[in-house]
């Protein structure tokens, strides 16, 4: 199968291999360092890292106490990124996130406005319990996530690059929350479900986090190196077979495209942004696994975290106890995925 053309300047084979090998070595070091601090949760670490390597944002969904905050702090240290944390609450205002202008007066009495940046001006932002903030505050973060700048008093202020948002959400306690609108959910490259750790991992947590010393992460990369790897991900070739698999899966998840289960259970399905996310993430997954090109298996492996927050079930399906993960699993099975 032929590979898609990329707009980036062409590199000769030796240069491609040298760049890829350096990236593989860096990714291996990142995985090892994170594994020394975060025990178990391999799929969570993988999907979160794939999100960053793809240049996107992730929504981490899980009950409290599963090391979501620690994962974000560890990633910031290991990847050499400045990081901030915002605890979202119902009374949080957009200016608490973005910043605001204040009036200064110099010695001569001349007054002028000065912009004080908010915590969003960082490279890795943890938005803790994002669904507890009002829609007004959520929409302020939406512009930053999509456009990589914020507008205050008519002036644009660019955000540091790279810029990634890792938001958390508690799936159980919904009282006093504001569910994220579909438009903002679609801006998250992946929804990463954080489950309870396996028994062996939990045993290690008990033994290694309750003593006098606790493992801490060390910086492995600098922020500009992450951007270089992100550029490499976009240069990786994608075969027509993989592109066809992405198109077939995304389109089958939409009602009215000839799939009876989808027509019966899905109210609305993923848009083109889901396919764009898949194109980036399958490349990143291949590189994460030490390969220089993605396969159809990568498409099926990433179907759930990329599609589940971009689809909605019908009322009848919800009443019957159908879950969106079941619908996606059936679509993958039909297409020969595991």
C-alpha atoms as a PDB file:
ATOM      1  CA  UNK A   1       0.000   0.000   0.000  1.00  0.00           C
ATOM      2  CA  UNK A   2       1.176   3.484  -0.765  1.00  0.00           C
ATOM      3  CA  UNK A   3       1.775   6.001   2.009  1.00  0.00           C
ATOM      4  CA  UNK A   4       0.102   9.372   2.345  1.00  0.00           C
ATOM      5  CA  UNK A   5       2.098  12.384   1.286  1.00  0.00           C
ATOM      6  CA  UNK A   6       3.209  14.752   4.060  1.00  0.00           C
ATOM      7  CA  UNK A   7       3.784  18.461   3.616  1.00  0.00           C
ATOM      8  CA  UNK A   8       6.954  18.432   5.758  1.00  0.00           C
ATOM      9  CA  UNK A   9      10.309  18.573   3.940  1.00  0.00           C
ATOM     10  CA  UNK A  10      11.500  15.158   2.803  1.00  0.00           C
ATOM     11  CA  UNK A  11      14.326  13.467   4.690  1.00  0.00           C
ATOM     12  CA  UNK A  12      16.613  10.794   3.318  1.00  0.00           C
ATOM     13  CA  UNK A  13      16.407   7.290   4.760  1.00  0.00           C
ATOM     14  CA  UNK A  14      19.447   7.612   7.044  1.00  0.00           C
ATOM     15  CA  UNK A  15      18.175  10.891   8.500  1.00  0.00           C
ATOM     16  CA  UNK A  16      14.716   9.419   9.094  1.00  0.00           C
ATOM     17  CA  UNK A  17      16.181   6.422  10.894  1.00  0.00           C
ATOM     18  CA  UNK A  18      18.478   8.561  13.040  1.00  0.00           C
ATOM     19  CA  UNK A  19      15.627  10.862  14.090  1.00  0.00           C
ATOM     20  CA  UNK A  20      13.304   7.922  14.767  1.00  0.00           C
ATOM     21  CA  UNK A  21      15.901   6.012  16.791  1.00  0.00           C
ATOM     22  CA  UNK A  22      16.574   9.066  18.942  1.00  0.00           C
ATOM     23  CA  UNK A  23      12.835   9.482  19.526  1.00  0.00           C
ATOM     24  CA  UNK A  24      12.441   5.797  20.409  1.00  0.00           C
ATOM     25  CA  UNK A  25      15.277   6.077  22.932  1.00  0.00           C
ATOM     26  CA  UNK A  26      13.701   9.162  24.510  1.00  0.00           C
ATOM     27  CA  UNK A  27      10.264   7.544  24.699  1.00  0.00           C
ATOM     28  CA  UNK A  28      11.771   4.454  26.311  1.00  0.00           C
ATOM     29  CA  UNK A  29      13.456   6.612  28.946  1.00  0.00           C
ATOM     30  CA  UNK A  30      10.175   8.450  29.584  1.00  0.00           C
ATOM     31  CA  UNK A  31       8.270   5.213  30.074  1.00  0.00           C
ATOM     32  CA  UNK A  32      10.900   3.854  32.465  1.00  0.00           C
ATOM     33  CA  UNK A  33      10.952   7.021  34.573  1.00  0.00           C
ATOM     34  CA  UNK A  34       7.165   7.233  34.809  1.00  0.00           C
ATOM     35  CA  UNK A  35       7.014   3.539  35.734  1.00  0.00           C
ATOM     36  CA  UNK A  36       9.276   4.220  38.719  1.00  0.00           C
ATOM     37  CA  UNK A  37       6.655   6.579  40.179  1.00  0.00           C
ATOM     38  CA  UNK A  38       3.274   5.441  38.777  1.00  0.00           C
ATOM     39  CA  UNK A  39       2.672   1.756  39.524  1.00  0.00           C
ATOM     40  CA  UNK A  40       0.456  -0.192  37.147  1.00  0.00           C
ATOM     41  CA  UNK A  41      -2.039   1.791  35.046  1.00  0.00           C
ATOM     42  CA  UNK A  42      -0.082   0.985  31.877  1.00  0.00           C
ATOM     43  CA  UNK A  43      -2.978   1.788  29.547  1.00  0.00           C
ATOM     44  CA  UNK A  44      -3.628   5.115  31.311  1.00  0.00           C
ATOM     45  CA  UNK A  45       0.029   6.109  31.049  1.00  0.00           C
ATOM     46  CA  UNK A  46       0.149   4.972  27.422  1.00  0.00           C
ATOM     47  CA  UNK A  47      -2.972   6.844  26.326  1.00  0.00           C
ATOM     48  CA  UNK A  48      -1.993  10.008  28.185  1.00  0.00           C
ATOM     49  CA  UNK A  49       1.482   9.963  26.651  1.00  0.00           C
ATOM     50  CA  UNK A  50       0.023   9.277  23.202  1.00  0.00           C
ATOM     51  CA  UNK A  51      -2.177  12.343  23.632  1.00  0.00           C
ATOM     52  CA  UNK A  52       0.831  14.533  24.367  1.00  0.00           C
ATOM     53  CA  UNK A  53       2.967  13.014  21.595  1.00  0.00           C
ATOM     54  CA  UNK A  54       0.071  13.715  19.214  1.00  0.00           C
ATOM     55  CA  UNK A  55      -0.124  17.342  20.374  1.00  0.00           C
ATOM     56  CA  UNK A  56      -3.581  17.108  21.950  1.00  0.00           C
ATOM     57  CA  UNK A  57      -5.542  17.225  25.208  1.00  0.00           C
ATOM     58  CA  UNK A  58      -6.936  14.358  27.308  1.00  0.00           C
ATOM     59  CA  UNK A  59      -9.925  13.912  29.607  1.00  0.00           C
ATOM     60  CA  UNK A  60      -9.102  11.538  32.489  1.00  0.00           C
ATOM     61  CA  UNK A  61     -12.262   9.943  33.906  1.00  0.00           C
ATOM     62  CA  UNK A  62     -12.034   8.036  37.177  1.00  0.00           C
ATOM     63  CA  UNK A  63     -13.007   8.037  40.830  1.00  0.00           C
ATOM     64  CA  UNK A  64     -10.822   9.950  43.320  1.00  0.00           C
ATOM     65  CA  UNK A  65      -7.589   8.450  44.605  1.00  0.00           C
ATOM     66  CA  UNK A  66      -6.320   6.755  41.440  1.00  0.00           C
ATOM     67  CA  UNK A  67      -3.199   8.940  41.039  1.00  0.00           C
ATOM     68  CA  UNK A  68      -4.558  11.184  38.264  1.00  0.00           C
ATOM     69  CA  UNK A  69      -3.050  14.293  39.842  1.00  0.00           C
ATOM     70  CA  UNK A  70       0.224  12.499  40.510  1.00  0.00           C
ATOM     71  CA  UNK A  71       0.376  11.313  36.900  1.00  0.00           C
ATOM     72  CA  UNK A  72       0.044  14.847  35.567  1.00  0.00           C
ATOM     73  CA  UNK A  73       2.692  16.190  37.961  1.00  0.00           C
ATOM     74  CA  UNK A  74       5.014  13.307  37.036  1.00  0.00           C
ATOM     75  CA  UNK A  75       4.527  13.940  33.323  1.00  0.00           C
ATOM     76  CA  UNK A  76       5.356  17.613  33.794  1.00  0.00           C
ATOM     77  CA  UNK A  77       8.613  16.725  35.548  1.00  0.00           C
ATOM     78  CA  UNK A  78       9.674  13.912  33.211  1.00  0.00           C
ATOM     79  CA  UNK A  79       8.846  15.819  30.017  1.00  0.00           C
ATOM     80  CA  UNK A  80      10.462  19.024  31.241  1.00  0.00           C
ATOM     81  CA  UNK A  81       7.223  21.007  30.977  1.00  0.00           C
ATOM     82  CA  UNK A  82       6.049  23.838  33.209  1.00  0.00           C
ATOM     83  CA  UNK A  83       2.822  22.676  34.827  1.00  0.00           C
ATOM     84  CA  UNK A  84      -0.022  24.221  36.796  1.00  0.00           C
ATOM     85  CA  UNK A  85      -3.112  22.798  38.483  1.00  0.00           C
ATOM     86  CA  UNK A  86      -6.528  24.434  38.691  1.00  0.00           C
ATOM     87  CA  UNK A  87      -9.183  23.073  41.051  1.00  0.00           C
ATOM     88  CA  UNK A  88     -12.481  23.747  39.294  1.00  0.00           C
ATOM     89  CA  UNK A  89     -15.360  24.870  41.504  1.00  0.00           C
ATOM     90  CA  UNK A  90     -18.804  26.370  40.734  1.00  0.00           C
ATOM     91  CA  UNK A  91     -17.646  29.868  41.727  1.00  0.00           C
ATOM     92  CA  UNK A  92     -14.511  29.804  39.534  1.00  0.00           C
ATOM     93  CA  UNK A  93     -14.527  32.721  37.068  1.00  0.00           C
ATOM     94  CA  UNK A  94     -12.884  32.888  33.611  1.00  0.00           C
ATOM     95  CA  UNK A  95     -10.426  35.511  34.884  1.00  0.00           C
ATOM     96  CA  UNK A  96      -9.276  33.048  37.563  1.00  0.00           C
ATOM     97  CA  UNK A  97      -8.013  30.852  34.726  1.00  0.00           C
ATOM     98  CA  UNK A  98      -7.049  33.269  31.965  1.00  0.00           C
ATOM     99  CA  UNK A  99      -5.797  36.274  33.942  1.00  0.00           C
ATOM    100  CA  UNK A 100      -6.937  39.890  34.035  1.00  0.00           C
ATOM    101  CA  UNK A 101      -5.853  43.452  33.430  1.00  0.00           C
ATOM    102  CA  UNK A 102      -5.029  45.737  36.353  1.00  0.00           C
ATOM    103  CA  UNK A 103      -4.394  49.467  36.360  1.00  0.00           C
ATOM    104  CA  UNK A 104      -0.889  50.655  37.221  1.00  0.00           C
ATOM    105  CA  UNK A 105       0.220  54.163  38.025  1.00  0.00           C
ATOM    106  CA  UNK A 106       3.838  55.243  37.592  1.00  0.00           C
ATOM    107  CA  UNK A 107       5.750  57.923  39.531  1.00  0.00           C
ATOM    108  CA  UNK A 108       4.531  60.677  37.210  1.00  0.00           C
ATOM    109  CA  UNK A 109       0.926  59.723  37.797  1.00  0.00           C
ATOM    110  CA  UNK A 110       0.407  58.205  34.363  1.00  0.00           C
ATOM    111  CA  UNK A 111      -1.980  55.289  34.423  1.00  0.00           C
ATOM    112  CA  UNK A 112      -1.888  52.227  32.206  1.00  0.00           C
ATOM    113  CA  UNK A 113      -3.261  48.731  32.120  1.00  0.00           C
ATOM    114  CA  UNK A 114      -1.056  45.722  32.757  1.00  0.00           C
ATOM    115  CA  UNK A 115      -2.012  42.121  32.007  1.00  0.00           C
ATOM    116  CA  UNK A 116      -1.418  39.574  34.758  1.00  0.00           C
ATOM    117  CA  UNK A 117      -1.379  36.065  33.230  1.00  0.00           C
ATOM    118  CA  UNK A 118      -3.510  33.390  34.848  1.00  0.00           C
ATOM    119  CA  UNK A 119      -2.538  29.757  35.536  1.00  0.00           C
ATOM    120  CA  UNK A 120      -3.502  28.750  31.970  1.00  0.00           C
ATOM    121  CA  UNK A 121      -0.186  30.258  30.836  1.00  0.00           C
ATOM    122  CA  UNK A 122       1.765  27.072  31.279  1.00  0.00           C
ATOM    123  CA  UNK A 123       2.759  24.100  29.152  1.00  0.00           C
ATOM    124  CA  UNK A 124       0.899  21.326  30.975  1.00  0.00           C
ATOM    125  CA  UNK A 125      -2.337  22.319  32.693  1.00  0.00           C
ATOM    126  CA  UNK A 126      -4.283  20.027  34.974  1.00  0.00           C
ATOM    127  CA  UNK A 127      -7.953  21.008  35.061  1.00  0.00           C
ATOM    128  CA  UNK A 128      -9.126  19.097  38.133  1.00  0.00           C
ATOM    129  CA  UNK A 129     -12.843  18.166  38.158  1.00  0.00           C
ATOM    130  CA  UNK A 130     -13.520  20.297  35.117  1.00  0.00           C
ATOM    131  CA  UNK A 131     -17.245  19.561  35.137  1.00  0.00           C
ATOM    132  CA  UNK A 132     -17.677  21.428  38.435  1.00  0.00           C
ATOM    133  CA  UNK A 133     -17.076  24.800  36.770  1.00  0.00           C
ATOM    134  CA  UNK A 134     -19.854  26.834  35.184  1.00  0.00           C
ATOM    135  CA  UNK A 135     -20.366  26.732  31.392  1.00  0.00           C
ATOM    136  CA  UNK A 136     -18.954  30.264  31.181  1.00  0.00           C
ATOM    137  CA  UNK A 137     -15.661  29.165  32.722  1.00  0.00           C
ATOM    138  CA  UNK A 138     -15.572  25.962  30.690  1.00  0.00           C
ATOM    139  CA  UNK A 139     -15.949  27.954  27.462  1.00  0.00           C
ATOM    140  CA  UNK A 140     -13.043  30.210  28.453  1.00  0.00           C
ATOM    141  CA  UNK A 141     -10.810  27.161  28.644  1.00  0.00           C
ATOM    142  CA  UNK A 142     -12.222  25.922  25.334  1.00  0.00           C
ATOM    143  CA  UNK A 143     -10.685  28.835  23.411  1.00  0.00           C
ATOM    144  CA  UNK A 144      -7.300  28.194  24.956  1.00  0.00           C
ATOM    145  CA  UNK A 145      -7.469  24.491  24.063  1.00  0.00           C
ATOM    146  CA  UNK A 146      -8.519  25.071  20.477  1.00  0.00           C
ATOM    147  CA  UNK A 147      -6.781  28.305  19.483  1.00  0.00           C
ATOM    148  CA  UNK A 148      -3.725  28.320  21.803  1.00  0.00           C
ATOM    149  CA  UNK A 149      -4.314  31.920  22.810  1.00  0.00           C
ATOM    150  CA  UNK A 150      -6.703  33.850  25.042  1.00  0.00           C
ATOM    151  CA  UNK A 151      -8.396  37.176  24.417  1.00  0.00           C
ATOM    152  CA  UNK A 152      -8.518  39.680  27.271  1.00  0.00           C
ATOM    153  CA  UNK A 153      -9.962  43.189  26.754  1.00  0.00           C
ATOM    154  CA  UNK A 154      -9.714  42.756  23.000  1.00  0.00           C
ATOM    155  CA  UNK A 155      -6.049  41.726  23.008  1.00  0.00           C
ATOM    156  CA  UNK A 156      -4.767  38.265  22.107  1.00  0.00           C
ATOM    157  CA  UNK A 157      -2.193  36.651  24.366  1.00  0.00           C
ATOM    158  CA  UNK A 158      -0.434  33.569  23.023  1.00  0.00           C
ATOM    159  CA  UNK A 159       0.040  30.537  25.247  1.00  0.00           C
ATOM    160  CA  UNK A 160       3.399  28.797  25.735  1.00  0.00           C
ATOM    161  CA  UNK A 161       4.123  25.921  23.366  1.00  0.00           C
ATOM    162  CA  UNK A 162       3.735  23.079  23.695  1.00  0.00           C
ATOM    163  CA  UNK A 163       0.420  23.495  25.500  1.00  0.00           C
ATOM    164  CA  UNK A 164      -1.612  20.542  26.746  1.00  0.00           C
ATOM    165  CA  UNK A 165      -4.660  20.268  28.998  1.00  0.00           C
ATOM    166  CA  UNK A 166      -5.180  17.122  31.050  1.00  0.00           C
ATOM    167  CA  UNK A 167      -8.614  17.441  32.634  1.00  0.00           C
ATOM    168  CA  UNK A 168     -10.096  15.107  35.228  1.00  0.00           C
ATOM    169  CA  UNK A 169     -13.701  14.187  35.860  1.00  0.00           C
ATOM    170  CA  UNK A 170     -15.399  12.081  38.536  1.00  0.00           C
ATOM    171  CA  UNK A 171     -17.902   9.753  36.806  1.00  0.00           C
ATOM    172  CA  UNK A 172     -19.892   8.999  39.959  1.00  0.00           C
ATOM    173  CA  UNK A 173     -20.715  12.190  41.817  1.00  0.00           C
ATOM    174  CA  UNK A 174     -22.804  14.326  39.448  1.00  0.00           C
ATOM    175  CA  UNK A 175     -24.642  16.572  41.928  1.00  0.00           C
ATOM    176  CA  UNK A 176     -23.673  20.212  41.508  1.00  0.00           C
ATOM    177  CA  UNK A 177     -21.831  19.626  38.231  1.00  0.00           C
ATOM    178  CA  UNK A 178     -22.147  21.073  34.736  1.00  0.00           C
ATOM    179  CA  UNK A 179     -21.708  18.313  32.118  1.00  0.00           C
ATOM    180  CA  UNK A 180     -19.262  19.293  29.408  1.00  0.00           C
ATOM    181  CA  UNK A 181     -21.025  20.253  26.158  1.00  0.00           C
ATOM    182  CA  UNK A 182     -20.407  18.147  23.076  1.00  0.00           C
ATOM    183  CA  UNK A 183     -18.333  20.886  21.437  1.00  0.00           C
ATOM    184  CA  UNK A 184     -15.845  20.893  24.298  1.00  0.00           C
ATOM    185  CA  UNK A 185     -15.731  17.119  24.623  1.00  0.00           C
ATOM    186  CA  UNK A 186     -14.797  16.946  20.952  1.00  0.00           C
ATOM    187  CA  UNK A 187     -11.716  19.099  21.654  1.00  0.00           C
ATOM    188  CA  UNK A 188     -10.236  16.347  23.796  1.00  0.00           C
ATOM    189  CA  UNK A 189      -8.156  14.011  21.676  1.00  0.00           C
ATOM    190  CA  UNK A 190      -8.900  11.077  23.982  1.00  0.00           C
ATOM    191  CA  UNK A 191     -11.074  10.158  26.920  1.00  0.00           C
ATOM    192  CA  UNK A 192      -8.859   8.051  29.173  1.00  0.00           C
ATOM    193  CA  UNK A 193     -10.753   5.838  31.618  1.00  0.00           C
ATOM    194  CA  UNK A 194      -8.798   5.398  34.861  1.00  0.00           C
ATOM    195  CA  UNK A 195      -9.682   2.126  36.605  1.00  0.00           C
ATOM    196  CA  UNK A 196      -8.624   0.610  39.920  1.00  0.00           C
ATOM    197  CA  UNK A 197      -5.082  -0.840  39.852  1.00  0.00           C
ATOM    198  CA  UNK A 198      -4.381  -4.551  39.559  1.00  0.00           C
ATOM    199  CA  UNK A 199      -3.619  -6.407  42.803  1.00  0.00           C
ATOM    200  CA  UNK A 200       0.154  -6.604  42.247  1.00  0.00           C
ATOM    201  CA  UNK A 201       0.327  -2.898  41.433  1.00  0.00           C
ATOM    202  CA  UNK A 202      -1.763  -2.019  44.480  1.00  0.00           C
ATOM    203  CA  UNK A 203       0.512  -4.140  46.687  1.00  0.00           C
ATOM    204  CA  UNK A 204       3.494  -2.184  45.367  1.00  0.00           C
ATOM    205  CA  UNK A 205       1.666   1.072  46.065  1.00  0.00           C
ATOM    206  CA  UNK A 206       1.094   0.015  49.681  1.00  0.00           C
ATOM    207  CA  UNK A 207       4.724  -0.948  50.213  1.00  0.00           C
ATOM    208  CA  UNK A 208       6.497   1.894  48.413  1.00  0.00           C
ATOM    209  CA  UNK A 209       4.379   4.918  49.272  1.00  0.00           C
ATOM    210  CA  UNK A 210       4.004   4.514  53.040  1.00  0.00           C
ATOM    211  CA  UNK A 211       7.655   4.394  54.092  1.00  0.00           C
ATOM    212  CA  UNK A 212      10.159   7.087  54.923  1.00  0.00           C
ATOM    213  CA  UNK A 213      11.205   7.543  51.305  1.00  0.00           C
ATOM    214  CA  UNK A 214       9.067   7.801  48.190  1.00  0.00           C
ATOM    215  CA  UNK A 215      10.239   7.674  44.592  1.00  0.00           C
ATOM    216  CA  UNK A 216      10.274  10.981  42.738  1.00  0.00           C
ATOM    217  CA  UNK A 217      10.530  11.565  39.014  1.00  0.00           C
ATOM    218  CA  UNK A 218      13.543  13.098  37.276  1.00  0.00           C
ATOM    219  CA  UNK A 219      13.481  15.347  34.198  1.00  0.00           C
ATOM    220  CA  UNK A 220      14.204  13.370  31.025  1.00  0.00           C
ATOM    221  CA  UNK A 221      13.383  15.833  28.240  1.00  0.00           C
ATOM    222  CA  UNK A 222      12.973  19.531  27.615  1.00  0.00           C
ATOM    223  CA  UNK A 223       9.801  21.084  26.221  1.00  0.00           C
ATOM    224  CA  UNK A 224      11.323  21.777  22.802  1.00  0.00           C
ATOM    225  CA  UNK A 225      12.235  18.091  22.465  1.00  0.00           C
ATOM    226  CA  UNK A 226       8.575  17.161  22.858  1.00  0.00           C
ATOM    227  CA  UNK A 227       7.759  19.460  19.945  1.00  0.00           C
ATOM    228  CA  UNK A 228      10.405  17.727  17.824  1.00  0.00           C
ATOM    229  CA  UNK A 229       8.847  14.322  18.563  1.00  0.00           C
ATOM    230  CA  UNK A 230       5.393  15.710  17.806  1.00  0.00           C
ATOM    231  CA  UNK A 231       6.718  16.895  14.444  1.00  0.00           C
ATOM    232  CA  UNK A 232       8.158  13.430  13.787  1.00  0.00           C
ATOM    233  CA  UNK A 233       4.753  11.858  14.540  1.00  0.00           C
ATOM    234  CA  UNK A 234       3.162  14.009  11.844  1.00  0.00           C
ATOM    235  CA  UNK A 235       5.868  12.979   9.347  1.00  0.00           C
ATOM    236  CA  UNK A 236       5.292   9.242   9.804  1.00  0.00           C
ATOM    237  CA  UNK A 237       3.776   7.516   6.767  1.00  0.00           C
ATOM    238  CA  UNK A 238       0.268   6.067   6.966  1.00  0.00           C
ATOM    239  CA  UNK A 239      -0.753   3.357   4.509  1.00  0.00           C
ATOM    240  CA  UNK A 240      -3.964   3.578   2.513  1.00  0.00           C
ATOM    241  CA  UNK A 241      -5.102   0.427   4.320  1.00  0.00           C
ATOM    242  CA  UNK A 242      -4.911   2.218   7.677  1.00  0.00           C
ATOM    243  CA  UNK A 243      -6.670   5.300   6.295  1.00  0.00           C
ATOM    244  CA  UNK A 244      -9.469   3.103   4.922  1.00  0.00           C
ATOM    245  CA  UNK A 245      -9.803   1.378   8.308  1.00  0.00           C
ATOM    246  CA  UNK A 246     -10.093   4.753  10.082  1.00  0.00           C
ATOM    247  CA  UNK A 247     -12.718   6.008   7.625  1.00  0.00           C
ATOM    248  CA  UNK A 248     -14.719   2.792   7.808  1.00  0.00           C
ATOM    249  CA  UNK A 249     -14.731   2.759  11.626  1.00  0.00           C
ATOM    250  CA  UNK A 250     -15.591   6.436  12.089  1.00  0.00           C
ATOM    251  CA  UNK A 251     -18.335   6.406   9.466  1.00  0.00           C
ATOM    252  CA  UNK A 252     -19.823   3.161  10.805  1.00  0.00           C
ATOM    253  CA  UNK A 253     -20.187   4.864  14.203  1.00  0.00           C
ATOM    254  CA  UNK A 254     -22.628   7.398  12.700  1.00  0.00           C
ATOM    255  CA  UNK A 255     -26.340   6.689  12.277  1.00  0.00           C
ATOM    256  CA  UNK A 256     -27.543   6.401   8.699  1.00  0.00           C
ATOM    257  CA  UNK A 257     -24.449   4.716   7.268  1.00  0.00           C
ATOM    258  CA  UNK A 258     -25.798   1.210   6.872  1.00  0.00           C
ATOM    259  CA  UNK A 259     -24.988  -0.283  10.294  1.00  0.00           C
ATOM    260  CA  UNK A 260     -28.156  -1.592  11.952  1.00  0.00           C
ATOM    261  CA  UNK A 261     -26.742  -1.599  15.519  1.00  0.00           C
ATOM    262  CA  UNK A 262     -25.548   1.974  15.159  1.00  0.00           C
ATOM    263  CA  UNK A 263     -28.878   3.131  13.746  1.00  0.00           C
ATOM    264  CA  UNK A 264     -30.686   1.499  16.662  1.00  0.00           C
ATOM    265  CA  UNK A 265     -28.425   2.603  19.514  1.00  0.00           C
ATOM    266  CA  UNK A 266     -26.581   5.799  18.519  1.00  0.00           C
ATOM    267  CA  UNK A 267     -28.255   9.217  18.519  1.00  0.00           C
ATOM    268  CA  UNK A 268     -25.297  11.013  16.961  1.00  0.00           C
ATOM    269  CA  UNK A 269     -21.805   9.875  16.090  1.00  0.00           C
ATOM    270  CA  UNK A 270     -18.253  11.202  15.697  1.00  0.00           C
ATOM    271  CA  UNK A 271     -17.397  13.969  13.257  1.00  0.00           C
ATOM    272  CA  UNK A 272     -14.289  14.397  11.093  1.00  0.00           C
ATOM    273  CA  UNK A 273     -12.257  15.497  14.117  1.00  0.00           C
ATOM    274  CA  UNK A 274     -12.423  11.893  15.348  1.00  0.00           C
ATOM    275  CA  UNK A 275     -10.698  10.717  12.166  1.00  0.00           C
ATOM    276  CA  UNK A 276      -8.077  13.440  12.522  1.00  0.00           C
ATOM    277  CA  UNK A 277      -7.431  12.344  16.107  1.00  0.00           C
ATOM    278  CA  UNK A 278      -7.121   8.734  14.994  1.00  0.00           C
ATOM    279  CA  UNK A 279      -4.638   9.636  12.230  1.00  0.00           C
ATOM    280  CA  UNK A 280      -2.355  11.295  14.768  1.00  0.00           C
ATOM    281  CA  UNK A 281      -2.748   8.779  17.561  1.00  0.00           C
ATOM    282  CA  UNK A 282      -2.097   5.648  15.487  1.00  0.00           C
ATOM    283  CA  UNK A 283       1.212   7.182  14.408  1.00  0.00           C
ATOM    284  CA  UNK A 284       2.088   8.038  17.999  1.00  0.00           C
ATOM    285  CA  UNK A 285       1.153   4.519  19.134  1.00  0.00           C
ATOM    286  CA  UNK A 286       3.404   2.973  16.507  1.00  0.00           C
ATOM    287  CA  UNK A 287       6.310   5.127  17.662  1.00  0.00           C
ATOM    288  CA  UNK A 288       5.484   4.346  21.301  1.00  0.00           C
ATOM    289  CA  UNK A 289       5.761   0.636  20.469  1.00  0.00           C
ATOM    290  CA  UNK A 290       9.009   1.051  18.519  1.00  0.00           C
ATOM    291  CA  UNK A 291       7.561   0.942  14.997  1.00  0.00           C
ATOM    292  CA  UNK A 292       7.969   3.463  12.173  1.00  0.00           C
ATOM    293  CA  UNK A 293       4.497   3.082  10.658  1.00  0.00           C
ATOM    294  CA  UNK A 294       1.052   2.351  12.141  1.00  0.00           C
ATOM    295  CA  UNK A 295      -1.048  -0.705  11.393  1.00  0.00           C
ATOM    296  CA  UNK A 296      -4.776  -1.460  11.328  1.00  0.00           C
ATOM    297  CA  UNK A 297      -4.387  -2.989  14.800  1.00  0.00           C
ATOM    298  CA  UNK A 298      -3.485   0.471  16.116  1.00  0.00           C
ATOM    299  CA  UNK A 299      -6.798   1.785  14.786  1.00  0.00           C
ATOM    300  CA  UNK A 300      -8.805  -0.868  16.613  1.00  0.00           C
ATOM    301  CA  UNK A 301      -6.759  -0.514  19.809  1.00  0.00           C
ATOM    302  CA  UNK A 302      -7.507   3.218  20.002  1.00  0.00           C
ATOM    303  CA  UNK A 303     -11.157   3.067  18.943  1.00  0.00           C
ATOM    304  CA  UNK A 304     -12.596   3.318  22.461  1.00  0.00           C
ATOM    305  CA  UNK A 305     -10.580   6.242  23.926  1.00  0.00           C
ATOM    306  CA  UNK A 306     -10.962   8.277  20.725  1.00  0.00           C
ATOM    307  CA  UNK A 307     -14.626   7.605  19.907  1.00  0.00           C
ATOM    308  CA  UNK A 308     -16.464   7.123  23.215  1.00  0.00           C
ATOM    309  CA  UNK A 309     -16.765  10.818  24.133  1.00  0.00           C
ATOM    310  CA  UNK A 310     -17.755  11.743  20.573  1.00  0.00           C
ATOM    311  CA  UNK A 311     -20.894   9.585  20.496  1.00  0.00           C
ATOM    312  CA  UNK A 312     -24.249   9.596  22.303  1.00  0.00           C
ATOM    313  CA  UNK A 313     -26.739   6.792  22.831  1.00  0.00           C
ATOM    314  CA  UNK A 314     -30.447   7.014  22.133  1.00  0.00           C
ATOM    315  CA  UNK A 315     -32.849   7.080  25.068  1.00  0.00           C
ATOM    316  CA  UNK A 316     -34.017   3.564  24.235  1.00  0.00           C
ATOM    317  CA  UNK A 317     -30.454   2.222  24.260  1.00  0.00           C
ATOM    318  CA  UNK A 318     -29.737   3.812  27.634  1.00  0.00           C
ATOM    319  CA  UNK A 319     -32.970   2.364  29.019  1.00  0.00           C
ATOM    320  CA  UNK A 320     -31.871  -1.104  27.891  1.00  0.00           C
ATOM    321  CA  UNK A 321     -28.518  -0.730  29.673  1.00  0.00           C
ATOM    322  CA  UNK A 322     -26.421  -0.439  26.523  1.00  0.00           C
ATOM    323  CA  UNK A 323     -23.055   1.297  27.039  1.00  0.00           C
ATOM    324  CA  UNK A 324     -21.205   3.260  24.404  1.00  0.00           C
ATOM    325  CA  UNK A 325     -18.163   1.013  24.927  1.00  0.00           C
ATOM    326  CA  UNK A 326     -20.292  -1.996  23.918  1.00  0.00           C
ATOM    327  CA  UNK A 327     -21.288  -0.270  20.682  1.00  0.00           C
ATOM    328  CA  UNK A 328     -17.664   0.550  19.830  1.00  0.00           C
ATOM    329  CA  UNK A 329     -16.507  -2.976  20.695  1.00  0.00           C
ATOM    330  CA  UNK A 330     -19.143  -4.405  18.344  1.00  0.00           C
ATOM    331  CA  UNK A 331     -18.008  -2.088  15.528  1.00  0.00           C
ATOM    332  CA  UNK A 332     -14.395  -3.165  16.024  1.00  0.00           C
ATOM    333  CA  UNK A 333     -15.351  -6.845  16.090  1.00  0.00           C
ATOM    334  CA  UNK A 334     -17.265  -6.533  12.827  1.00  0.00           C
ATOM    335  CA  UNK A 335     -14.139  -5.130  11.189  1.00  0.00           C
ATOM    336  CA  UNK A 336     -11.908  -7.931  12.415  1.00  0.00           C
ATOM    337  CA  UNK A 337     -10.386  -6.247  15.463  1.00  0.00           C
ATOM    338  CA  UNK A 338      -9.697  -8.082  18.694  1.00  0.00           C
END
